[in-house]
Amino acid sequence: MNASAPRNAAAPVLAIVLAVAYPLLAHWASHDGGGVPAAIAMADLMALVLVAPMLHGQVWAWALASVSAAALVWVAQTPFAQMLLLAPPMLFVGLVAWMFARSLRAPREALITRIVAAMERCEPAELPRELYRYSRRLTASWAILLAVLALANGALAMIAVPDGVLARLGHTPPVSIGQEAWSLFANLLNYGIVGGFFVGEYAMRRHLFPHRPYRHFFDFLRQMAALGPRFWRGLFD
């Protein structure tokens, strides 16, 4: 057996655990208001980004993790730890929105189009015309939704008190929102909106295109997972 096989299998599982943990840790840190909880949440995010290369023994990943951990220990003792929590909801959601949007430009195929084609076991150009058009429109819809969420996260981060950008810079926001309310939206409600859109779109798709290669919602999720880590890594290249 290949010695790297256990590491290859562990990386996605650990990534999922870390990804699920981050919004909960970030919301707890915002509620607590302290530097140490904020540093713990940021350490989880750092581990999420570096987990795969670290498991594969990449020296640069371990070095970067060590330097980042030391920096977080220092930042935890400063007033800036809470400010670090403001950036990820805007930056990560905005990055994913950009990935969806850029896939609509030729010669790329839209992200959803590629996923649908993989599940249909054909090339994107071989999809039925209506399904092909629908998959492109759906990709654009995801890009718009995520861009709106990223902008909302950024705007609320500016006016949050007491640890928002304007407040930390010594300015009184013309309109303000409490730190916990910002965190509730950015770290938790965002996922509810995305999940609701995902489930609602699935119901609409089942109505518009009833003859698909999956029997029900959970079979749809199973088949998406079965596409494998290599497909999902390549999807965003």
C-alpha atoms as a PDB file:
ATOM      1  CA  MET A   1       0.000   0.000   0.000  1.00  0.00           C
ATOM      2  CA  ASN A   2       1.237   3.496  -0.816  1.00  0.00           C
ATOM      3  CA  ALA A   3       2.474   5.169   2.379  1.00  0.00           C
ATOM      4  CA  SER A   4       0.824   8.419   1.368  1.00  0.00           C
ATOM      5  CA  ALA A   5      -2.631   6.820   1.071  1.00  0.00           C
ATOM      6  CA  PRO A   6      -3.603   7.328   4.744  1.00  0.00           C
ATOM      7  CA  ARG A   7      -2.529  10.963   4.527  1.00  0.00           C
ATOM      8  CA  ASN A   8      -4.493  11.461   1.302  1.00  0.00           C
ATOM      9  CA  ALA A   9      -7.592  10.036   2.980  1.00  0.00           C
ATOM     10  CA  ALA A  10      -7.131  12.003   6.206  1.00  0.00           C
ATOM     11  CA  ALA A  11      -6.663  15.436   4.612  1.00  0.00           C
ATOM     12  CA  PRO A  12     -10.256  15.895   3.348  1.00  0.00           C
ATOM     13  CA  VAL A  13     -11.717  14.640   6.634  1.00  0.00           C
ATOM     14  CA  LEU A  14      -9.575  16.999   8.700  1.00  0.00           C
ATOM     15  CA  ALA A  15     -10.351  19.851   6.318  1.00  0.00           C
ATOM     16  CA  ILE A  16     -14.097  19.288   6.779  1.00  0.00           C
ATOM     17  CA  VAL A  17     -13.727  19.167  10.574  1.00  0.00           C
ATOM     18  CA  LEU A  18     -11.677  22.373  10.595  1.00  0.00           C
ATOM     19  CA  ALA A  19     -14.059  24.104   8.175  1.00  0.00           C
ATOM     20  CA  VAL A  20     -17.090  23.241  10.318  1.00  0.00           C
ATOM     21  CA  ALA A  21     -15.272  24.297  13.491  1.00  0.00           C
ATOM     22  CA  TYR A  22     -14.153  27.712  12.233  1.00  0.00           C
ATOM     23  CA  PRO A  23     -17.490  29.593  12.166  1.00  0.00           C
ATOM     24  CA  LEU A  24     -18.363  28.201  15.592  1.00  0.00           C
ATOM     25  CA  LEU A  25     -14.979  29.202  17.002  1.00  0.00           C
ATOM     26  CA  ALA A  26     -15.167  32.625  15.345  1.00  0.00           C
ATOM     27  CA  HIS A  27     -18.644  33.283  16.741  1.00  0.00           C
ATOM     28  CA  TRP A  28     -17.512  32.174  20.210  1.00  0.00           C
ATOM     29  CA  ALA A  29     -14.492  34.466  19.943  1.00  0.00           C
ATOM     30  CA  SER A  30     -16.638  37.438  18.904  1.00  0.00           C
ATOM     31  CA  HIS A  31     -19.035  36.744  21.773  1.00  0.00           C
ATOM     32  CA  ASP A  32     -16.142  36.464  24.258  1.00  0.00           C
ATOM     33  CA  GLY A  33     -14.359  39.529  22.930  1.00  0.00           C
ATOM     34  CA  GLY A  34     -10.932  38.337  24.059  1.00  0.00           C
ATOM     35  CA  GLY A  35      -7.701  37.953  22.163  1.00  0.00           C
ATOM     36  CA  VAL A  36      -7.065  34.309  23.020  1.00  0.00           C
ATOM     37  CA  PRO A  37     -10.365  32.963  21.593  1.00  0.00           C
ATOM     38  CA  ALA A  38      -9.783  35.075  18.476  1.00  0.00           C
ATOM     39  CA  ALA A  39      -6.304  33.593  18.084  1.00  0.00           C
ATOM     40  CA  ILE A  40      -7.702  30.070  18.491  1.00  0.00           C
ATOM     41  CA  ALA A  41     -10.250  30.712  15.723  1.00  0.00           C
ATOM     42  CA  MET A  42      -7.544  32.084  13.435  1.00  0.00           C
ATOM     43  CA  ALA A  43      -5.314  29.090  14.229  1.00  0.00           C
ATOM     44  CA  ASP A  44      -8.134  26.801  13.093  1.00  0.00           C
ATOM     45  CA  LEU A  45      -8.359  28.743   9.834  1.00  0.00           C
ATOM     46  CA  MET A  46      -4.591  28.553   9.372  1.00  0.00           C
ATOM     47  CA  ALA A  47      -4.706  24.784   9.922  1.00  0.00           C
ATOM     48  CA  LEU A  48      -7.527  24.488   7.372  1.00  0.00           C
ATOM     49  CA  VAL A  49      -5.432  26.195   4.703  1.00  0.00           C
ATOM     50  CA  LEU A  50      -2.271  24.212   5.461  1.00  0.00           C
ATOM     51  CA  VAL A  51      -3.619  20.797   6.495  1.00  0.00           C
ATOM     52  CA  ALA A  52      -3.030  19.052   3.150  1.00  0.00           C
ATOM     53  CA  PRO A  53       0.615  20.121   2.580  1.00  0.00           C
ATOM     54  CA  MET A  54       1.410  19.582   6.271  1.00  0.00           C
ATOM     55  CA  LEU A  55       0.129  16.006   6.143  1.00  0.00           C
ATOM     56  CA  HIS A  56       2.294  15.444   3.069  1.00  0.00           C
ATOM     57  CA  GLY A  57       5.361  16.596   4.986  1.00  0.00           C
ATOM     58  CA  GLN A  58       5.910  19.836   3.054  1.00  0.00           C
ATOM     59  CA  VAL A  59       8.626  21.715   4.936  1.00  0.00           C
ATOM     60  CA  TRP A  60       7.363  25.131   3.810  1.00  0.00           C
ATOM     61  CA  ALA A  61       3.892  24.371   5.221  1.00  0.00           C
ATOM     62  CA  TRP A  62       5.264  23.352   8.618  1.00  0.00           C
ATOM     63  CA  ALA A  63       7.529  26.406   8.656  1.00  0.00           C
ATOM     64  CA  LEU A  64       4.656  28.726   7.758  1.00  0.00           C
ATOM     65  CA  ALA A  65       2.438  27.097  10.399  1.00  0.00           C
ATOM     66  CA  SER A  66       5.145  27.582  13.039  1.00  0.00           C
ATOM     67  CA  VAL A  67       5.672  31.235  12.160  1.00  0.00           C
ATOM     68  CA  SER A  68       1.907  31.856  12.033  1.00  0.00           C
ATOM     69  CA  ALA A  69       1.380  30.156  15.393  1.00  0.00           C
ATOM     70  CA  ALA A  70       4.061  32.330  16.980  1.00  0.00           C
ATOM     71  CA  ALA A  71       2.485  35.431  15.439  1.00  0.00           C
ATOM     72  CA  LEU A  72      -0.946  34.446  16.782  1.00  0.00           C
ATOM     73  CA  VAL A  73       0.480  33.976  20.289  1.00  0.00           C
ATOM     74  CA  TRP A  74       1.745  37.560  20.090  1.00  0.00           C
ATOM     75  CA  VAL A  75      -1.419  38.941  18.484  1.00  0.00           C
ATOM     76  CA  ALA A  76      -3.584  37.305  21.180  1.00  0.00           C
ATOM     77  CA  GLN A  77      -2.076  39.756  23.689  1.00  0.00           C
ATOM     78  CA  THR A  78      -2.916  42.821  21.582  1.00  0.00           C
ATOM     79  CA  PRO A  79      -6.147  44.706  20.780  1.00  0.00           C
ATOM     80  CA  PHE A  80      -5.882  43.627  17.136  1.00  0.00           C
ATOM     81  CA  ALA A  81      -6.814  39.953  17.584  1.00  0.00           C
ATOM     82  CA  GLN A  82     -10.532  40.632  17.268  1.00  0.00           C
ATOM     83  CA  MET A  83      -9.941  42.681  14.117  1.00  0.00           C
ATOM     84  CA  LEU A  84      -8.445  39.633  12.403  1.00  0.00           C
ATOM     85  CA  LEU A  85     -11.834  37.920  12.638  1.00  0.00           C
ATOM     86  CA  LEU A  86     -13.384  40.606  10.446  1.00  0.00           C
ATOM     87  CA  ALA A  87     -11.502  39.659   7.295  1.00  0.00           C
ATOM     88  CA  PRO A  88     -12.180  35.931   6.582  1.00  0.00           C
ATOM     89  CA  PRO A  89     -15.968  36.150   5.992  1.00  0.00           C
ATOM     90  CA  MET A  90     -15.427  38.831   3.368  1.00  0.00           C
ATOM     91  CA  LEU A  91     -12.220  37.508   1.795  1.00  0.00           C
ATOM     92  CA  PHE A  92     -13.098  33.812   1.581  1.00  0.00           C
ATOM     93  CA  VAL A  93     -16.662  34.336   0.374  1.00  0.00           C
ATOM     94  CA  GLY A  94     -15.421  36.940  -2.104  1.00  0.00           C
ATOM     95  CA  LEU A  95     -12.739  34.538  -3.374  1.00  0.00           C
ATOM     96  CA  VAL A  96     -15.287  31.798  -4.027  1.00  0.00           C
ATOM     97  CA  ALA A  97     -17.596  34.304  -5.746  1.00  0.00           C
ATOM     98  CA  TRP A  98     -14.696  35.297  -8.011  1.00  0.00           C
ATOM     99  CA  MET A  99     -13.990  31.640  -8.831  1.00  0.00           C
ATOM    100  CA  PHE A 100     -17.588  31.116  -9.900  1.00  0.00           C
ATOM    101  CA  ALA A 101     -17.603  34.326 -11.932  1.00  0.00           C
ATOM    102  CA  ARG A 102     -14.301  33.744 -13.740  1.00  0.00           C
ATOM    103  CA  SER A 103     -15.404  30.265 -14.839  1.00  0.00           C
ATOM    104  CA  LEU A 104     -18.061  31.915 -17.013  1.00  0.00           C
ATOM    105  CA  ARG A 105     -15.408  33.419 -19.262  1.00  0.00           C
ATOM    106  CA  ALA A 106     -14.273  31.481 -22.320  1.00  0.00           C
ATOM    107  CA  PRO A 107     -12.446  29.192 -22.825  1.00  0.00           C
ATOM    108  CA  ARG A 108     -13.382  27.892 -19.358  1.00  0.00           C
ATOM    109  CA  GLU A 109     -16.552  25.971 -18.719  1.00  0.00           C
ATOM    110  CA  ALA A 110     -18.785  27.191 -15.902  1.00  0.00           C
ATOM    111  CA  LEU A 111     -18.174  25.461 -12.558  1.00  0.00           C
ATOM    112  CA  ILE A 112     -21.693  24.084 -12.249  1.00  0.00           C
ATOM    113  CA  THR A 113     -21.572  22.937 -15.876  1.00  0.00           C
ATOM    114  CA  ARG A 114     -18.444  20.903 -15.144  1.00  0.00           C
ATOM    115  CA  ILE A 115     -20.000  19.358 -12.038  1.00  0.00           C
ATOM    116  CA  VAL A 116     -23.183  18.435 -13.913  1.00  0.00           C
ATOM    117  CA  ALA A 117     -21.195  16.950 -16.800  1.00  0.00           C
ATOM    118  CA  ALA A 118     -19.078  14.895 -14.381  1.00  0.00           C
ATOM    119  CA  MET A 119     -22.196  13.510 -12.713  1.00  0.00           C
ATOM    120  CA  GLU A 120     -23.745  12.796 -16.118  1.00  0.00           C
ATOM    121  CA  ARG A 121     -20.459  11.133 -17.187  1.00  0.00           C
ATOM    122  CA  CYS A 122     -20.061  13.223 -20.313  1.00  0.00           C
ATOM    123  CA  GLU A 123     -18.260  16.279 -21.575  1.00  0.00           C
ATOM    124  CA  PRO A 124     -19.885  19.683 -20.899  1.00  0.00           C
ATOM    125  CA  ALA A 125     -20.549  20.198 -24.617  1.00  0.00           C
ATOM    126  CA  GLU A 126     -22.509  16.924 -24.691  1.00  0.00           C
ATOM    127  CA  LEU A 127     -25.074  18.044 -22.125  1.00  0.00           C
ATOM    128  CA  PRO A 128     -28.622  18.748 -23.361  1.00  0.00           C
ATOM    129  CA  ARG A 129     -28.825  22.368 -24.450  1.00  0.00           C
ATOM    130  CA  GLU A 130     -31.370  23.424 -21.817  1.00  0.00           C
ATOM    131  CA  LEU A 131     -29.396  21.764 -19.015  1.00  0.00           C
ATOM    132  CA  TYR A 132     -26.205  23.374 -20.266  1.00  0.00           C
ATOM    133  CA  ARG A 133     -27.806  26.827 -20.247  1.00  0.00           C
ATOM    134  CA  TYR A 134     -29.337  26.229 -16.836  1.00  0.00           C
ATOM    135  CA  SER A 135     -25.969  25.204 -15.377  1.00  0.00           C
ATOM    136  CA  ARG A 136     -24.360  28.406 -16.645  1.00  0.00           C
ATOM    137  CA  ARG A 137     -27.166  30.570 -15.268  1.00  0.00           C
ATOM    138  CA  LEU A 138     -26.872  28.739 -11.958  1.00  0.00           C
ATOM    139  CA  THR A 139     -23.116  29.413 -11.860  1.00  0.00           C
ATOM    140  CA  ALA A 140     -23.819  33.115 -12.407  1.00  0.00           C
ATOM    141  CA  SER A 141     -26.462  33.032  -9.651  1.00  0.00           C
ATOM    142  CA  TRP A 142     -23.963  31.536  -7.201  1.00  0.00           C
ATOM    143  CA  ALA A 143     -21.412  34.194  -8.133  1.00  0.00           C
ATOM    144  CA  ILE A 144     -23.930  36.984  -7.523  1.00  0.00           C
ATOM    145  CA  LEU A 145     -25.196  35.530  -4.239  1.00  0.00           C
ATOM    146  CA  LEU A 146     -21.696  35.043  -2.843  1.00  0.00           C
ATOM    147  CA  ALA A 147     -20.550  38.486  -4.020  1.00  0.00           C
ATOM    148  CA  VAL A 148     -23.522  40.100  -2.250  1.00  0.00           C
ATOM    149  CA  LEU A 149     -22.716  38.172   0.940  1.00  0.00           C
ATOM    150  CA  ALA A 150     -19.046  39.180   0.737  1.00  0.00           C
ATOM    151  CA  LEU A 151     -20.000  42.854   0.329  1.00  0.00           C
ATOM    152  CA  ALA A 152     -22.483  42.611   3.193  1.00  0.00           C
ATOM    153  CA  ASN A 153     -19.858  40.986   5.416  1.00  0.00           C
ATOM    154  CA  GLY A 154     -17.398  43.741   4.561  1.00  0.00           C
ATOM    155  CA  ALA A 155     -19.890  46.550   5.154  1.00  0.00           C
ATOM    156  CA  LEU A 156     -20.981  45.145   8.508  1.00  0.00           C
ATOM    157  CA  ALA A 157     -17.335  44.648   9.532  1.00  0.00           C
ATOM    158  CA  MET A 158     -16.774  48.352   8.942  1.00  0.00           C
ATOM    159  CA  ILE A 159     -19.608  49.485  11.250  1.00  0.00           C
ATOM    160  CA  ALA A 160     -19.470  46.779  13.951  1.00  0.00           C
ATOM    161  CA  VAL A 161     -18.809  47.965  17.502  1.00  0.00           C
ATOM    162  CA  PRO A 162     -16.680  47.806  19.527  1.00  0.00           C
ATOM    163  CA  ASP A 163     -14.185  45.924  17.325  1.00  0.00           C
ATOM    164  CA  GLY A 164     -15.183  46.968  13.814  1.00  0.00           C
ATOM    165  CA  VAL A 165     -12.786  48.725  11.461  1.00  0.00           C
ATOM    166  CA  LEU A 166     -14.137  52.245  11.960  1.00  0.00           C
ATOM    167  CA  ALA A 167     -14.384  51.865  15.732  1.00  0.00           C
ATOM    168  CA  ARG A 168     -10.830  50.521  15.967  1.00  0.00           C
ATOM    169  CA  LEU A 169      -9.599  53.468  13.883  1.00  0.00           C
ATOM    170  CA  GLY A 170     -11.218  55.868  16.317  1.00  0.00           C
ATOM    171  CA  HIS A 171     -14.230  56.839  14.197  1.00  0.00           C
ATOM    172  CA  THR A 172     -17.861  56.615  15.255  1.00  0.00           C
ATOM    173  CA  PRO A 173     -19.835  54.765  12.554  1.00  0.00           C
ATOM    174  CA  PRO A 174     -22.861  56.737  11.296  1.00  0.00           C
ATOM    175  CA  VAL A 175     -24.833  53.520  11.680  1.00  0.00           C
ATOM    176  CA  SER A 176     -23.563  50.715  13.880  1.00  0.00           C
ATOM    177  CA  ILE A 177     -24.202  47.056  14.586  1.00  0.00           C
ATOM    178  CA  GLY A 178     -23.132  45.082  17.640  1.00  0.00           C
ATOM    179  CA  GLN A 179     -20.140  42.785  17.377  1.00  0.00           C
ATOM    180  CA  GLU A 180     -22.244  39.715  18.203  1.00  0.00           C
ATOM    181  CA  ALA A 181     -24.843  40.642  15.581  1.00  0.00           C
ATOM    182  CA  TRP A 182     -22.095  40.995  12.960  1.00  0.00           C
ATOM    183  CA  SER A 183     -20.677  37.602  13.941  1.00  0.00           C
ATOM    184  CA  LEU A 184     -24.104  35.978  13.872  1.00  0.00           C
ATOM    185  CA  PHE A 185     -24.538  37.118  10.266  1.00  0.00           C
ATOM    186  CA  ALA A 186     -20.969  36.629   9.001  1.00  0.00           C
ATOM    187  CA  ASN A 187     -20.057  33.407  10.794  1.00  0.00           C
ATOM    188  CA  LEU A 188     -23.393  31.585  11.020  1.00  0.00           C
ATOM    189  CA  LEU A 189     -26.246  33.095   8.992  1.00  0.00           C
ATOM    190  CA  ASN A 190     -24.129  33.170   5.823  1.00  0.00           C
ATOM    191  CA  TYR A 191     -24.027  29.379   5.895  1.00  0.00           C
ATOM    192  CA  GLY A 192     -27.769  29.207   6.411  1.00  0.00           C
ATOM    193  CA  ILE A 193     -28.347  31.418   3.370  1.00  0.00           C
ATOM    194  CA  VAL A 194     -25.965  29.348   1.245  1.00  0.00           C
ATOM    195  CA  GLY A 195     -27.521  26.085   2.469  1.00  0.00           C
ATOM    196  CA  GLY A 196     -31.039  27.356   1.824  1.00  0.00           C
ATOM    197  CA  PHE A 197     -30.108  28.415  -1.702  1.00  0.00           C
ATOM    198  CA  PHE A 198     -28.489  25.025  -2.326  1.00  0.00           C
ATOM    199  CA  VAL A 199     -31.552  23.067  -1.158  1.00  0.00           C
ATOM    200  CA  GLY A 200     -34.012  25.387  -2.915  1.00  0.00           C
ATOM    201  CA  GLU A 201     -32.125  25.162  -6.183  1.00  0.00           C
ATOM    202  CA  TYR A 202     -32.076  21.372  -5.933  1.00  0.00           C
ATOM    203  CA  ALA A 203     -35.871  21.333  -5.579  1.00  0.00           C
ATOM    204  CA  MET A 204     -36.251  23.612  -8.592  1.00  0.00           C
ATOM    205  CA  ARG A 205     -33.856  21.495 -10.655  1.00  0.00           C
ATOM    206  CA  ARG A 206     -35.765  18.318  -9.824  1.00  0.00           C
ATOM    207  CA  HIS A 207     -38.894  20.028 -11.121  1.00  0.00           C
ATOM    208  CA  LEU A 208     -37.298  21.370 -14.309  1.00  0.00           C
ATOM    209  CA  PHE A 209     -35.138  18.322 -15.058  1.00  0.00           C
ATOM    210  CA  PRO A 210     -36.779  15.292 -13.403  1.00  0.00           C
ATOM    211  CA  HIS A 211     -34.716  12.618 -15.189  1.00  0.00           C
ATOM    212  CA  ARG A 212     -31.345  12.965 -13.521  1.00  0.00           C
ATOM    213  CA  PRO A 213     -28.838  10.246 -12.528  1.00  0.00           C
ATOM    214  CA  TYR A 214     -29.655  10.501  -8.792  1.00  0.00           C
ATOM    215  CA  ARG A 215     -32.768   9.303  -7.001  1.00  0.00           C
ATOM    216  CA  HIS A 216     -33.098  11.853  -4.204  1.00  0.00           C
ATOM    217  CA  PHE A 217     -31.242  14.625  -2.394  1.00  0.00           C
ATOM    218  CA  PHE A 218     -28.972  12.376  -0.346  1.00  0.00           C
ATOM    219  CA  ASP A 219     -28.120  10.302  -3.403  1.00  0.00           C
ATOM    220  CA  PHE A 220     -27.251  13.579  -5.123  1.00  0.00           C
ATOM    221  CA  LEU A 221     -24.869  14.473  -2.261  1.00  0.00           C
ATOM    222  CA  ARG A 222     -23.387  10.965  -2.318  1.00  0.00           C
ATOM    223  CA  GLN A 223     -22.695  11.164  -6.029  1.00  0.00           C
ATOM    224  CA  MET A 224     -21.132  14.605  -5.665  1.00  0.00           C
ATOM    225  CA  ALA A 225     -18.788  13.257  -2.974  1.00  0.00           C
ATOM    226  CA  ALA A 226     -18.013  10.232  -5.145  1.00  0.00           C
ATOM    227  CA  LEU A 227     -16.499  12.521  -7.803  1.00  0.00           C
ATOM    228  CA  GLY A 228     -13.431  12.420  -5.573  1.00  0.00           C
ATOM    229  CA  PRO A 229     -10.818  14.834  -4.195  1.00  0.00           C
ATOM    230  CA  ARG A 230      -8.919  15.036  -7.492  1.00  0.00           C
ATOM    231  CA  PHE A 231     -11.997  16.322  -9.318  1.00  0.00           C
ATOM    232  CA  TRP A 232     -12.776  18.914  -6.650  1.00  0.00           C
ATOM    233  CA  ARG A 233      -9.183  20.130  -6.515  1.00  0.00           C
ATOM    234  CA  GLY A 234      -9.061  20.459 -10.289  1.00  0.00           C
ATOM    235  CA  LEU A 235     -12.413  22.219 -10.420  1.00  0.00           C
ATOM    236  CA  PHE A 236     -10.969  25.444  -9.026  1.00  0.00           C
ATOM    237  CA  ASP A 237      -7.655  25.362 -10.905  1.00  0.00           C
END
